[in-house]
Each structure stands twice: as C-alpha cells, then as structure tokens.
PDB file of N, CA and C in Angstrom:
ATOM      1  N   MET A   1       4.927  28.925   0.125  1.00  0.00           N
ATOM      2  CA  MET A   1       5.964  27.917   0.163  1.00  0.00           C
ATOM      3  C   MET A   1       5.340  26.580   0.522  1.00  0.00           C
ATOM      4  N   THR A   2       5.703  25.531  -0.216  1.00  0.00           N
ATOM      5  CA  THR A   2       5.116  24.223  -0.038  1.00  0.00           C
ATOM      6  C   THR A   2       6.146  23.234   0.488  1.00  0.00           C
ATOM      7  N   VAL A   3       5.761  22.477   1.506  1.00  0.00           N
ATOM      8  CA  VAL A   3       6.590  21.396   2.014  1.00  0.00           C
ATOM      9  C   VAL A   3       6.088  20.132   1.351  1.00  0.00           C
ATOM     10  N   GLU A   4       6.958  19.434   0.627  1.00  0.00           N
ATOM     11  CA  GLU A   4       6.519  18.318  -0.201  1.00  0.00           C
ATOM     12  C   GLU A   4       5.847  17.195   0.568  1.00  0.00           C
ATOM     13  N   THR A   5       6.171  17.022   1.828  1.00  0.00           N
ATOM     14  CA  THR A   5       5.575  15.928   2.576  1.00  0.00           C
ATOM     15  C   THR A   5       4.188  16.265   3.124  1.00  0.00           C
ATOM     16  N   ASN A   6       3.725  17.490   2.946  1.00  0.00           N
ATOM     17  CA  ASN A   6       2.415  17.903   3.459  1.00  0.00           C
ATOM     18  C   ASN A   6       1.462  18.255   2.326  1.00  0.00           C
ATOM     19  N   GLN A   7       0.197  17.915   2.530  1.00  0.00           N
ATOM     20  CA  GLN A   7      -0.818  18.308   1.552  1.00  0.00           C
ATOM     21  C   GLN A   7      -1.085  19.798   1.656  1.00  0.00           C
ATOM     22  N   THR A   8      -1.317  20.423   0.515  1.00  0.00           N
ATOM     23  CA  THR A   8      -1.728  21.826   0.513  1.00  0.00           C
ATOM     24  C   THR A   8      -3.231  21.878   0.308  1.00  0.00           C
ATOM     25  N   ILE A   9      -3.888  22.711   1.091  1.00  0.00           N
ATOM     26  CA  ILE A   9      -5.345  22.800   1.096  1.00  0.00           C
ATOM     27  C   ILE A   9      -5.744  24.254   0.918  1.00  0.00           C
ATOM     28  N   LEU A  10      -6.763  24.474   0.095  1.00  0.00           N
ATOM     29  CA  LEU A  10      -7.357  25.802  -0.048  1.00  0.00           C
ATOM     30  C   LEU A  10      -8.803  25.725   0.409  1.00  0.00           C
ATOM     31  N   VAL A  11      -9.172  26.599   1.338  1.00  0.00           N
ATOM     32  CA  VAL A  11     -10.537  26.685   1.843  1.00  0.00           C
ATOM     33  C   VAL A  11     -11.151  27.950   1.261  1.00  0.00           C
ATOM     34  N   VAL A  12     -12.242  27.790   0.491  1.00  0.00           N
ATOM     35  CA  VAL A  12     -12.903  28.926  -0.141  1.00  0.00           C
ATOM     36  C   VAL A  12     -14.310  29.040   0.435  1.00  0.00           C
ATOM     37  N   ASP A  13     -14.501  30.053   1.266  1.00  0.00           N
ATOM     38  CA  ASP A  13     -15.798  30.253   1.916  1.00  0.00           C
ATOM     39  C   ASP A  13     -15.907  31.706   2.335  1.00  0.00           C
ATOM     40  N   ASP A  14     -17.088  32.297   2.195  1.00  0.00           N
ATOM     41  CA  ASP A  14     -17.259  33.688   2.596  1.00  0.00           C
ATOM     42  C   ASP A  14     -17.486  33.833   4.098  1.00  0.00           C
ATOM     43  N   ASP A  15     -17.613  32.723   4.805  1.00  0.00           N
ATOM     44  CA  ASP A  15     -17.818  32.734   6.249  1.00  0.00           C
ATOM     45  C   ASP A  15     -16.458  32.604   6.945  1.00  0.00           C
ATOM     46  N   GLN A  16     -16.035  33.674   7.608  1.00  0.00           N
ATOM     47  CA  GLN A  16     -14.736  33.701   8.292  1.00  0.00           C
ATOM     48  C   GLN A  16     -14.632  32.588   9.331  1.00  0.00           C
ATOM     49  N   THR A  17     -15.718  32.297  10.031  1.00  0.00           N
ATOM     50  CA  THR A  17     -15.706  31.253  11.061  1.00  0.00           C
ATOM     51  C   THR A  17     -15.396  29.893  10.460  1.00  0.00           C
ATOM     52  N   VAL A  18     -15.992  29.596   9.321  1.00  0.00           N
ATOM     53  CA  VAL A  18     -15.735  28.322   8.641  1.00  0.00           C
ATOM     54  C   VAL A  18     -14.274  28.259   8.202  1.00  0.00           C
ATOM     55  N   ARG A  19     -13.794  29.324   7.577  1.00  0.00           N
ATOM     56  CA  ARG A  19     -12.394  29.348   7.130  1.00  0.00           C
ATOM     57  C   ARG A  19     -11.439  29.147   8.304  1.00  0.00           C
ATOM     58  N   ASP A  20     -11.685  29.834   9.405  1.00  0.00           N
ATOM     59  CA  ASP A  20     -10.809  29.727  10.574  1.00  0.00           C
ATOM     60  C   ASP A  20     -10.843  28.322  11.171  1.00  0.00           C
ATOM     61  N   TRP A  21     -12.032  27.739  11.297  1.00  0.00           N
ATOM     62  CA  TRP A  21     -12.170  26.405  11.891  1.00  0.00           C
ATOM     63  C   TRP A  21     -11.457  25.356  11.047  1.00  0.00           C
ATOM     64  N   VAL A  22     -11.704  25.374   9.742  1.00  0.00           N
ATOM     65  CA  VAL A  22     -11.079  24.391   8.853  1.00  0.00           C
ATOM     66  C   VAL A  22      -9.564  24.585   8.838  1.00  0.00           C
ATOM     67  N   THR A  23      -9.107  25.825   8.786  1.00  0.00           N
ATOM     68  CA  THR A  23      -7.674  26.112   8.789  1.00  0.00           C
ATOM     69  C   THR A  23      -7.016  25.593  10.060  1.00  0.00           C
ATOM     70  N   LEU A  24      -7.597  25.880  11.197  1.00  0.00           N
ATOM     71  CA  LEU A  24      -7.041  25.427  12.476  1.00  0.00           C
ATOM     72  C   LEU A  24      -7.015  23.900  12.540  1.00  0.00           C
ATOM     73  N   LEU A  25      -8.102  23.280  12.199  1.00  0.00           N
ATOM     74  CA  LEU A  25      -8.214  21.821  12.256  1.00  0.00           C
ATOM     75  C   LEU A  25      -7.171  21.146  11.366  1.00  0.00           C
ATOM     76  N   LEU A  26      -7.062  21.597  10.129  1.00  0.00           N
ATOM     77  CA  LEU A  26      -6.154  20.948   9.186  1.00  0.00           C
ATOM     78  C   LEU A  26      -4.695  21.308   9.440  1.00  0.00           C
ATOM     79  N   SER A  27      -4.433  22.517   9.903  1.00  0.00           N
ATOM     80  CA  SER A  27      -3.062  22.912  10.235  1.00  0.00           C
ATOM     81  C   SER A  27      -2.508  22.048  11.361  1.00  0.00           C
ATOM     82  N   LYS A  28      -3.354  21.741  12.342  1.00  0.00           N
ATOM     83  CA  LYS A  28      -2.927  20.890  13.458  1.00  0.00           C
ATOM     84  C   LYS A  28      -2.582  19.481  12.991  1.00  0.00           C
ATOM     85  N   ARG A  29      -3.092  19.087  11.836  1.00  0.00           N
ATOM     86  CA  ARG A  29      -2.833  17.753  11.289  1.00  0.00           C
ATOM     87  C   ARG A  29      -1.696  17.766  10.263  1.00  0.00           C
ATOM     88  N   GLY A  30      -1.002  18.884  10.171  1.00  0.00           N
ATOM     89  CA  GLY A  30       0.173  18.945   9.308  1.00  0.00           C
ATOM     90  C   GLY A  30      -0.072  19.432   7.894  1.00  0.00           C
ATOM     91  N   CYS A  31      -1.278  19.894   7.607  1.00  0.00           N
ATOM     92  CA  CYS A  31      -1.577  20.419   6.274  1.00  0.00           C
ATOM     93  C   CYS A  31      -1.115  21.875   6.172  1.00  0.00           C
ATOM     94  N   LEU A  32      -0.812  22.282   4.960  1.00  0.00           N
ATOM     95  CA  LEU A  32      -0.496  23.676   4.673  1.00  0.00           C
ATOM     96  C   LEU A  32      -1.765  24.287   4.110  1.00  0.00           C
ATOM     97  N   VAL A  33      -2.398  25.165   4.869  1.00  0.00           N
ATOM     98  CA  VAL A  33      -3.729  25.655   4.536  1.00  0.00           C
ATOM     99  C   VAL A  33      -3.700  27.130   4.160  1.00  0.00           C
ATOM    100  N   GLN A  34      -4.362  27.439   3.046  1.00  0.00           N
ATOM    101  CA  GLN A  34      -4.617  28.819   2.642  1.00  0.00           C
ATOM    102  C   GLN A  34      -6.129  28.988   2.610  1.00  0.00           C
ATOM    103  N   SER A  35      -6.578  30.229   2.674  1.00  0.00           N
ATOM    104  CA  SER A  35      -8.018  30.455   2.583  1.00  0.00           C
ATOM    105  C   SER A  35      -8.316  31.655   1.690  1.00  0.00           C
ATOM    106  N   ALA A  36      -9.523  31.617   1.147  1.00  0.00           N
ATOM    107  CA  ALA A  36     -10.009  32.707   0.298  1.00  0.00           C
ATOM    108  C   ALA A  36     -11.459  32.956   0.658  1.00  0.00           C
ATOM    109  N   ARG A  37     -11.828  34.245   0.676  1.00  0.00           N
ATOM    110  CA  ARG A  37     -13.206  34.577   1.052  1.00  0.00           C
ATOM    111  C   ARG A  37     -14.144  34.682  -0.133  1.00  0.00           C
ATOM    112  N   ASP A  38     -13.578  34.658  -1.356  1.00  0.00           N
ATOM    113  CA  ASP A  38     -14.426  34.753  -2.540  1.00  0.00           C
ATOM    114  C   ASP A  38     -13.764  34.030  -3.713  1.00  0.00           C
ATOM    115  N   VAL A  39     -14.520  33.887  -4.784  1.00  0.00           N
ATOM    116  CA  VAL A  39     -14.055  33.146  -5.956  1.00  0.00           C
ATOM    117  C   VAL A  39     -12.853  33.829  -6.607  1.00  0.00           C
ATOM    118  N   GLU A  40     -12.887  35.137  -6.684  1.00  0.00           N
ATOM    119  CA  GLU A  40     -11.786  35.864  -7.318  1.00  0.00           C
ATOM    120  C   GLU A  40     -10.467  35.616  -6.589  1.00  0.00           C
ATOM    121  N   SER A  41     -10.491  35.664  -5.266  1.00  0.00           N
ATOM    122  CA  SER A  41      -9.283  35.395  -4.471  1.00  0.00           C
ATOM    123  C   SER A  41      -8.820  33.952  -4.669  1.00  0.00           C
ATOM    124  N   ALA A  42      -9.753  33.041  -4.743  1.00  0.00           N
ATOM    125  CA  ALA A  42      -9.418  31.624  -4.951  1.00  0.00           C
ATOM    126  C   ALA A  42      -8.731  31.423  -6.297  1.00  0.00           C
ATOM    127  N   TYR A  43      -9.251  32.053  -7.339  1.00  0.00           N
ATOM    128  CA  TYR A  43      -8.622  31.939  -8.660  1.00  0.00           C
ATOM    129  C   TYR A  43      -7.174  32.420  -8.628  1.00  0.00           C
ATOM    130  N   ARG A  44      -6.916  33.536  -7.938  1.00  0.00           N
ATOM    131  CA  ARG A  44      -5.551  34.066  -7.852  1.00  0.00           C
ATOM    132  C   ARG A  44      -4.616  33.081  -7.140  1.00  0.00           C
ATOM    133  N   ILE A  45      -5.093  32.494  -6.050  1.00  0.00           N
ATOM    134  CA  ILE A  45      -4.273  31.536  -5.302  1.00  0.00           C
ATOM    135  C   ILE A  45      -3.993  30.298  -6.153  1.00  0.00           C
ATOM    136  N   ILE A  46      -5.023  29.783  -6.801  1.00  0.00           N
ATOM    137  CA  ILE A  46      -4.883  28.568  -7.618  1.00  0.00           C
ATOM    138  C   ILE A  46      -3.962  28.813  -8.813  1.00  0.00           C
ATOM    139  N   ALA A  47      -4.060  29.991  -9.416  1.00  0.00           N
ATOM    140  CA  ALA A  47      -3.206  30.312 -10.560  1.00  0.00           C
ATOM    141  C   ALA A  47      -1.736  30.351 -10.152  1.00  0.00           C
ATOM    142  N   ALA A  48      -1.459  30.788  -8.934  1.00  0.00           N
ATOM    143  CA  ALA A  48      -0.075  30.878  -8.458  1.00  0.00           C
ATOM    144  C   ALA A  48       0.491  29.516  -8.087  1.00  0.00           C
ATOM    145  N   ASP A  49      -0.318  28.676  -7.470  1.00  0.00           N
ATOM    146  CA  ASP A  49       0.158  27.358  -7.020  1.00  0.00           C
ATOM    147  C   ASP A  49      -1.054  26.517  -6.641  1.00  0.00           C
ATOM    148  N   THR A  50      -1.473  25.627  -7.528  1.00  0.00           N
ATOM    149  CA  THR A  50      -2.687  24.844  -7.304  1.00  0.00           C
ATOM    150  C   THR A  50      -2.519  23.896  -6.121  1.00  0.00           C
ATOM    151  N   PRO A  51      -3.390  24.013  -5.120  1.00  0.00           N
ATOM    152  CA  PRO A  51      -3.335  23.128  -3.954  1.00  0.00           C
ATOM    153  C   PRO A  51      -3.708  21.688  -4.313  1.00  0.00           C
ATOM    154  N   ASP A  52      -3.389  20.780  -3.395  1.00  0.00           N
ATOM    155  CA  ASP A  52      -3.760  19.372  -3.564  1.00  0.00           C
ATOM    156  C   ASP A  52      -5.257  19.167  -3.371  1.00  0.00           C
ATOM    157  N   VAL A  53      -5.832  19.907  -2.418  1.00  0.00           N
ATOM    158  CA  VAL A  53      -7.248  19.783  -2.080  1.00  0.00           C
ATOM    159  C   VAL A  53      -7.854  21.171  -2.008  1.00  0.00           C
ATOM    160  N   ILE A  54      -9.044  21.321  -2.606  1.00  0.00           N
ATOM    161  CA  ILE A  54      -9.772  22.581  -2.537  1.00  0.00           C
ATOM    162  C   ILE A  54     -11.138  22.290  -1.948  1.00  0.00           C
ATOM    163  N   LEU A  55     -11.460  22.973  -0.850  1.00  0.00           N
ATOM    164  CA  LEU A  55     -12.780  22.906  -0.229  1.00  0.00           C
ATOM    165  C   LEU A  55     -13.486  24.195  -0.593  1.00  0.00           C
ATOM    166  N   VAL A  56     -14.609  24.104  -1.298  1.00  0.00           N
ATOM    167  CA  VAL A  56     -15.271  25.311  -1.781  1.00  0.00           C
ATOM    168  C   VAL A  56     -16.746  25.325  -1.397  1.00  0.00           C
ATOM    169  N   ASP A  57     -17.204  26.474  -0.941  1.00  0.00           N
ATOM    170  CA  ASP A  57     -18.613  26.678  -0.602  1.00  0.00           C
ATOM    171  C   ASP A  57     -19.414  26.846  -1.894  1.00  0.00           C
ATOM    172  N   LEU A  58     -20.379  25.978  -2.118  1.00  0.00           N
ATOM    173  CA  LEU A  58     -21.197  26.053  -3.334  1.00  0.00           C
ATOM    174  C   LEU A  58     -22.066  27.299  -3.398  1.00  0.00           C
ATOM    175  N   ASP A  59     -22.308  27.918  -2.260  1.00  0.00           N
ATOM    176  CA  ASP A  59     -23.227  29.044  -2.199  1.00  0.00           C
ATOM    177  C   ASP A  59     -22.556  30.399  -2.403  1.00  0.00           C
ATOM    178  N   LEU A  60     -21.291  30.400  -2.812  1.00  0.00           N
ATOM    179  CA  LEU A  60     -20.598  31.666  -3.057  1.00  0.00           C
ATOM    180  C   LEU A  60     -21.201  32.398  -4.251  1.00  0.00           C
ATOM    181  N   ALA A  61     -21.210  33.699  -4.164  1.00  0.00           N
ATOM    182  CA  ALA A  61     -21.686  34.518  -5.282  1.00  0.00           C
ATOM    183  C   ALA A  61     -20.752  34.351  -6.477  1.00  0.00           C
ATOM    184  N   ARG A  62     -21.289  34.410  -7.662  1.00  0.00           N
ATOM    185  CA  ARG A  62     -20.537  34.313  -8.916  1.00  0.00           C
ATOM    186  C   ARG A  62     -19.770  32.997  -9.050  1.00  0.00           C
ATOM    187  N   MET A  63     -20.331  31.925  -8.495  1.00  0.00           N
ATOM    188  CA  MET A  63     -19.664  30.625  -8.556  1.00  0.00           C
ATOM    189  C   MET A  63     -20.230  29.799  -9.698  1.00  0.00           C
ATOM    190  N   ASP A  64     -19.391  29.501 -10.667  1.00  0.00           N
ATOM    191  CA  ASP A  64     -19.715  28.540 -11.726  1.00  0.00           C
ATOM    192  C   ASP A  64     -18.888  27.306 -11.391  1.00  0.00           C
ATOM    193  N   VAL A  65     -19.538  26.335 -10.783  1.00  0.00           N
ATOM    194  CA  VAL A  65     -18.833  25.174 -10.253  1.00  0.00           C
ATOM    195  C   VAL A  65     -18.052  24.430 -11.336  1.00  0.00           C
ATOM    196  N   HIS A  66     -18.663  24.235 -12.494  1.00  0.00           N
ATOM    197  CA  HIS A  66     -18.007  23.503 -13.567  1.00  0.00           C
ATOM    198  C   HIS A  66     -16.736  24.239 -14.030  1.00  0.00           C
ATOM    199  N   ALA A  67     -16.827  25.542 -14.237  1.00  0.00           N
ATOM    200  CA  ALA A  67     -15.669  26.328 -14.671  1.00  0.00           C
ATOM    201  C   ALA A  67     -14.583  26.343 -13.593  1.00  0.00           C
ATOM    202  N   PHE A  68     -14.994  26.457 -12.342  1.00  0.00           N
ATOM    203  CA  PHE A  68     -14.043  26.487 -11.232  1.00  0.00           C
ATOM    204  C   PHE A  68     -13.276  25.171 -11.152  1.00  0.00           C
ATOM    205  N   LYS A  69     -13.998  24.065 -11.213  1.00  0.00           N
ATOM    206  CA  LYS A  69     -13.364  22.748 -11.147  1.00  0.00           C
ATOM    207  C   LYS A  69     -12.429  22.547 -12.347  1.00  0.00           C
ATOM    208  N   SER A  70     -12.864  22.940 -13.527  1.00  0.00           N
ATOM    209  CA  SER A  70     -12.028  22.807 -14.729  1.00  0.00           C
ATOM    210  C   SER A  70     -10.743  23.613 -14.595  1.00  0.00           C
ATOM    211  N   PHE A  71     -10.851  24.834 -14.092  1.00  0.00           N
ATOM    212  CA  PHE A  71      -9.684  25.708 -13.878  1.00  0.00           C
ATOM    213  C   PHE A  71      -8.666  25.015 -12.974  1.00  0.00           C
ATOM    214  N   ILE A  72      -9.151  24.373 -11.928  1.00  0.00           N
ATOM    215  CA  ILE A  72      -8.277  23.676 -10.984  1.00  0.00           C
ATOM    216  C   ILE A  72      -7.611  22.474 -11.649  1.00  0.00           C
ATOM    217  N   LEU A  73      -8.412  21.637 -12.290  1.00  0.00           N
ATOM    218  CA  LEU A  73      -7.904  20.375 -12.827  1.00  0.00           C
ATOM    219  C   LEU A  73      -6.965  20.562 -14.018  1.00  0.00           C
ATOM    220  N   ILE A  74      -7.090  21.667 -14.745  1.00  0.00           N
ATOM    221  CA  ILE A  74      -6.129  21.961 -15.817  1.00  0.00           C
ATOM    222  C   ILE A  74      -4.748  22.189 -15.202  1.00  0.00           C
ATOM    223  N   ARG A  75      -4.700  22.810 -14.044  1.00  0.00           N
ATOM    224  CA  ARG A  75      -3.437  23.123 -13.387  1.00  0.00           C
ATOM    225  C   ARG A  75      -2.877  21.946 -12.578  1.00  0.00           C
ATOM    226  N   ASN A  76      -3.777  21.151 -12.014  1.00  0.00           N
ATOM    227  CA  ASN A  76      -3.358  19.983 -11.226  1.00  0.00           C
ATOM    228  C   ASN A  76      -4.406  18.891 -11.407  1.00  0.00           C
ATOM    229  N   PRO A  77      -4.228  18.004 -12.399  1.00  0.00           N
ATOM    230  CA  PRO A  77      -5.217  16.960 -12.690  1.00  0.00           C
ATOM    231  C   PRO A  77      -5.493  16.021 -11.516  1.00  0.00           C
ATOM    232  N   GLU A  78      -4.591  15.996 -10.542  1.00  0.00           N
ATOM    233  CA  GLU A  78      -4.792  15.112  -9.400  1.00  0.00           C
ATOM    234  C   GLU A  78      -5.391  15.819  -8.190  1.00  0.00           C
ATOM    235  N   ALA A  79      -5.711  17.098  -8.325  1.00  0.00           N
ATOM    236  CA  ALA A  79      -6.298  17.837  -7.207  1.00  0.00           C
ATOM    237  C   ALA A  79      -7.662  17.264  -6.868  1.00  0.00           C
ATOM    238  N   LYS A  80      -7.969  17.321  -5.580  1.00  0.00           N
ATOM    239  CA  LYS A  80      -9.271  16.867  -5.097  1.00  0.00           C
ATOM    240  C   LYS A  80     -10.113  18.106  -4.801  1.00  0.00           C
ATOM    241  N   VAL A  81     -11.311  18.167  -5.377  1.00  0.00           N
ATOM    242  CA  VAL A  81     -12.205  19.299  -5.153  1.00  0.00           C
ATOM    243  C   VAL A  81     -13.415  18.807  -4.372  1.00  0.00           C
ATOM    244  N   LEU A  82     -13.626  19.399  -3.206  1.00  0.00           N
ATOM    245  CA  LEU A  82     -14.756  19.049  -2.350  1.00  0.00           C
ATOM    246  C   LEU A  82     -15.643  20.275  -2.188  1.00  0.00           C
ATOM    247  N   ALA A  83     -16.942  20.055  -2.171  1.00  0.00           N
ATOM    248  CA  ALA A  83     -17.887  21.164  -2.040  1.00  0.00           C
ATOM    249  C   ALA A  83     -18.510  21.158  -0.650  1.00  0.00           C
ATOM    250  N   MET A  84     -18.802  22.362  -0.166  1.00  0.00           N
ATOM    251  CA  MET A  84     -19.499  22.528   1.105  1.00  0.00           C
ATOM    252  C   MET A  84     -20.775  23.319   0.830  1.00  0.00           C
ATOM    253  N   THR A  85     -21.827  23.010   1.571  1.00  0.00           N
ATOM    254  CA  THR A  85     -23.063  23.763   1.443  1.00  0.00           C
ATOM    255  C   THR A  85     -23.830  23.713   2.757  1.00  0.00           C
ATOM    256  N   ALA A  86     -24.615  24.747   3.000  1.00  0.00           N
ATOM    257  CA  ALA A  86     -25.476  24.774   4.176  1.00  0.00           C
ATOM    258  C   ALA A  86     -26.849  24.186   3.850  1.00  0.00           C
ATOM    259  N   LEU A  87     -27.079  23.873   2.584  1.00  0.00           N
ATOM    260  CA  LEU A  87     -28.371  23.332   2.154  1.00  0.00           C
ATOM    261  C   LEU A  87     -28.303  21.809   2.129  1.00  0.00           C
ATOM    262  N   PRO A  88     -28.922  21.134   3.112  1.00  0.00           N
ATOM    263  CA  PRO A  88     -28.772  19.686   3.216  1.00  0.00           C
ATOM    264  C   PRO A  88     -29.335  18.907   2.030  1.00  0.00           C
ATOM    265  N   HIS A  89     -30.226  19.481   1.292  1.00  0.00           N
ATOM    266  CA  HIS A  89     -30.827  18.775   0.161  1.00  0.00           C
ATOM    267  C   HIS A  89     -30.158  19.132  -1.165  1.00  0.00           C
ATOM    268  N   SER A  90     -29.075  19.898  -1.106  1.00  0.00           N
ATOM    269  CA  SER A  90     -28.402  20.337  -2.321  1.00  0.00           C
ATOM    270  C   SER A  90     -27.523  19.231  -2.879  1.00  0.00           C
ATOM    271  N   ARG A  91     -27.972  18.624  -3.938  1.00  0.00           N
ATOM    272  CA  ARG A  91     -27.194  17.581  -4.605  1.00  0.00           C
ATOM    273  C   ARG A  91     -27.035  17.900  -6.090  1.00  0.00           C
ATOM    274  N   ALA A  92     -27.384  19.108  -6.499  1.00  0.00           N
ATOM    275  CA  ALA A  92     -27.353  19.494  -7.905  1.00  0.00           C
ATOM    276  C   ALA A  92     -25.964  19.370  -8.509  1.00  0.00           C
ATOM    277  N   ASP A  93     -24.937  19.592  -7.727  1.00  0.00           N
ATOM    278  CA  ASP A  93     -23.592  19.593  -8.283  1.00  0.00           C
ATOM    279  C   ASP A  93     -22.917  18.227  -8.248  1.00  0.00           C
ATOM    280  N   GLN A  94     -23.657  17.189  -7.862  1.00  0.00           N
ATOM    281  CA  GLN A  94     -23.112  15.838  -7.932  1.00  0.00           C
ATOM    282  C   GLN A  94     -22.742  15.502  -9.374  1.00  0.00           C
ATOM    283  N   LYS A  95     -23.446  16.090 -10.340  1.00  0.00           N
ATOM    284  CA  LYS A  95     -23.160  15.801 -11.743  1.00  0.00           C
ATOM    285  C   LYS A  95     -21.763  16.248 -12.158  1.00  0.00           C
ATOM    286  N   HIS A  96     -21.156  17.134 -11.396  1.00  0.00           N
ATOM    287  CA  HIS A  96     -19.795  17.584 -11.682  1.00  0.00           C
ATOM    288  C   HIS A  96     -18.770  16.693 -10.991  1.00  0.00           C
ATOM    289  N   GLY A  97     -19.227  15.644 -10.342  1.00  0.00           N
ATOM    290  CA  GLY A  97     -18.322  14.727  -9.676  1.00  0.00           C
ATOM    291  C   GLY A  97     -17.754  15.258  -8.374  1.00  0.00           C
ATOM    292  N   LEU A  98     -18.453  16.156  -7.734  1.00  0.00           N
ATOM    293  CA  LEU A  98     -17.990  16.712  -6.471  1.00  0.00           C
ATOM    294  C   LEU A  98     -18.593  15.960  -5.304  1.00  0.00           C
ATOM    295  N   ARG A  99     -17.780  15.716  -4.302  1.00  0.00           N
ATOM    296  CA  ARG A  99     -18.324  15.207  -3.049  1.00  0.00           C
ATOM    297  C   ARG A  99     -18.834  16.419  -2.286  1.00  0.00           C
ATOM    298  N   ILE A 100     -20.051  16.328  -1.780  1.00  0.00           N
ATOM    299  CA  ILE A 100     -20.663  17.466  -1.094  1.00  0.00           C
ATOM    300  C   ILE A 100     -20.722  17.198   0.403  1.00  0.00           C
ATOM    301  N   LEU A 101     -20.162  18.123   1.172  1.00  0.00           N
ATOM    302  CA  LEU A 101     -20.198  18.074   2.625  1.00  0.00           C
ATOM    303  C   LEU A 101     -21.222  19.097   3.098  1.00  0.00           C
ATOM    304  N   VAL A 102     -22.152  18.655   3.933  1.00  0.00           N
ATOM    305  CA  VAL A 102     -23.217  19.538   4.408  1.00  0.00           C
ATOM    306  C   VAL A 102     -22.806  20.174   5.736  1.00  0.00           C
ATOM    307  N   LYS A 103     -22.882  21.507   5.770  1.00  0.00           N
ATOM    308  CA  LYS A 103     -22.566  22.265   6.986  1.00  0.00           C
ATOM    309  C   LYS A 103     -23.718  22.137   7.985  1.00  0.00           C
ATOM    310  N   PRO A 104     -23.437  22.106   9.261  1.00  0.00           N
ATOM    311  CA  PRO A 104     -22.099  22.102   9.848  1.00  0.00           C
ATOM    312  C   PRO A 104     -21.423  20.748   9.606  1.00  0.00           C
ATOM    313  N   ILE A 105     -20.176  20.803   9.246  1.00  0.00           N
ATOM    314  CA  ILE A 105     -19.414  19.606   8.914  1.00  0.00           C
ATOM    315  C   ILE A 105     -18.765  19.056  10.182  1.00  0.00           C
ATOM    316  N   GLU A 106     -18.944  17.779  10.381  1.00  0.00           N
ATOM    317  CA  GLU A 106     -18.307  17.115  11.514  1.00  0.00           C
ATOM    318  C   GLU A 106     -16.814  16.947  11.218  1.00  0.00           C
ATOM    319  N   GLU A 107     -16.000  17.061  12.226  1.00  0.00           N
ATOM    320  CA  GLU A 107     -14.553  16.940  12.060  1.00  0.00           C
ATOM    321  C   GLU A 107     -14.169  15.613  11.396  1.00  0.00           C
ATOM    322  N   ALA A 108     -14.747  14.522  11.852  1.00  0.00           N
ATOM    323  CA  ALA A 108     -14.408  13.206  11.295  1.00  0.00           C
ATOM    324  C   ALA A 108     -14.788  13.109   9.820  1.00  0.00           C
ATOM    325  N   GLU A 109     -15.915  13.702   9.447  1.00  0.00           N
ATOM    326  CA  GLU A 109     -16.342  13.678   8.049  1.00  0.00           C
ATOM    327  C   GLU A 109     -15.375  14.473   7.172  1.00  0.00           C
ATOM    328  N   LEU A 110     -14.947  15.614   7.662  1.00  0.00           N
ATOM    329  CA  LEU A 110     -14.006  16.448   6.917  1.00  0.00           C
ATOM    330  C   LEU A 110     -12.680  15.712   6.711  1.00  0.00           C
ATOM    331  N   ILE A 111     -12.164  15.154   7.779  1.00  0.00           N
ATOM    332  CA  ILE A 111     -10.887  14.431   7.704  1.00  0.00           C
ATOM    333  C   ILE A 111     -11.007  13.237   6.767  1.00  0.00           C
ATOM    334  N   SER A 112     -12.106  12.522   6.843  1.00  0.00           N
ATOM    335  CA  SER A 112     -12.327  11.367   5.970  1.00  0.00           C
ATOM    336  C   SER A 112     -12.396  11.791   4.506  1.00  0.00           C
ATOM    337  N   ALA A 113     -13.088  12.883   4.239  1.00  0.00           N
ATOM    338  CA  ALA A 113     -13.244  13.365   2.866  1.00  0.00           C
ATOM    339  C   ALA A 113     -11.907  13.799   2.261  1.00  0.00           C
ATOM    340  N   ILE A 114     -11.106  14.420   3.049  1.00  0.00           N
ATOM    341  CA  ILE A 114      -9.809  14.903   2.571  1.00  0.00           C
ATOM    342  C   ILE A 114      -8.801  13.775   2.469  1.00  0.00           C
ATOM    343  N   GLY A 115      -8.884  12.844   3.401  1.00  0.00           N
ATOM    344  CA  GLY A 115      -7.906  11.773   3.436  1.00  0.00           C
ATOM    345  C   GLY A 115      -6.716  12.182   4.272  1.00  0.00           C
ATOM    346  N   SER A 116      -5.670  11.472   4.163  1.00  0.00           N
ATOM    347  CA  SER A 116      -4.475  11.738   4.947  1.00  0.00           C
ATOM    348  C   SER A 116      -3.875  13.091   4.597  1.00  0.00           C
ATOM    349  N   CYS A 117      -3.448  13.815   5.595  1.00  0.00           N
ATOM    350  CA  CYS A 117      -2.755  15.092   5.376  1.00  0.00           C
ATOM    351  C   CYS A 117      -1.255  14.916   5.447  1.00  0.00           C
ATOM    352  N   ASP A 118      -0.786  13.679   5.370  1.00  0.00           N
ATOM    353  CA  ASP A 118       0.650  13.418   5.460  1.00  0.00           C
ATOM    354  C   ASP A 118       1.311  13.354   4.095  1.00  0.00           C
ATOM    355  N   GLY A 119       0.648  13.820   3.070  1.00  0.00           N
ATOM    356  CA  GLY A 119       1.221  13.819   1.727  1.00  0.00           C
ATOM    357  C   GLY A 119       0.326  13.049   0.787  1.00  0.00           C
ATOM    358  N   LYS A 120       0.735  13.002  -0.484  1.00  0.00           N
ATOM    359  CA  LYS A 120      -0.076  12.349  -1.506  1.00  0.00           C
ATOM    360  C   LYS A 120       0.089  10.851  -1.438  1.00  0.00           C
TER     361      LYS A 120
END
C-alpha cells in the first residue's frame, strides 16, 4: 500500500544488515521502504508496484545492471536508480547513468542521493 505523499523505496542487497539499516533510516524519515535480498525478489516487487527510488547492490549475483535499470524505467520512467558497492574503485556502471554510493555509506550521503522523502 502506497501513501501518495511519501516516497516509496526499494533496497536490494544480499546483506541483511545493510537492508535493515537503510530501511530503519528511511522509514524514520517518512519513506515507505521495501527490501529484497536478491534480484529475483526485486523483480517481483518492481513488477507489482515500481518504487520511486531503488537502491541496488552492484555486487549481487546474476545482476545485469542495464537490464535491471531498463525493467524499472519501463514501469516508472521517473524512478531513481542508485547503486551501492563495497568496491571503492568500481565506476564501471557509470556508463548506465547510475550514481554509485560506496559502502559503508554515510547517512548524509544516502539522504542527499535520494533527496527528499516527503514526496516527489
């Protein structure tokens, strides 16, 4: 269920700690947060109701970043897709137009990247 005045966020990461931290942080700021531990779960969530913002770990198994981003944008052309990685020198996916956040992600950097959680 979506509240129109709040941004919907999907966190896709195989690390439970990362999913929990991001969910807690963004929920406290009024976002409606869902999480997925793998690409398959993320596809199911996005197919049902594409979130406004998707935070995805680039290091997930079976991740085709270009196909994943295309799948999202076909459903919601205004969705924001942000990538997370533990590899500080990983910039390979900049060509897909993704902003890359390097783990561990600082709270201020995450909030800045997402923007306001008070709606679109």
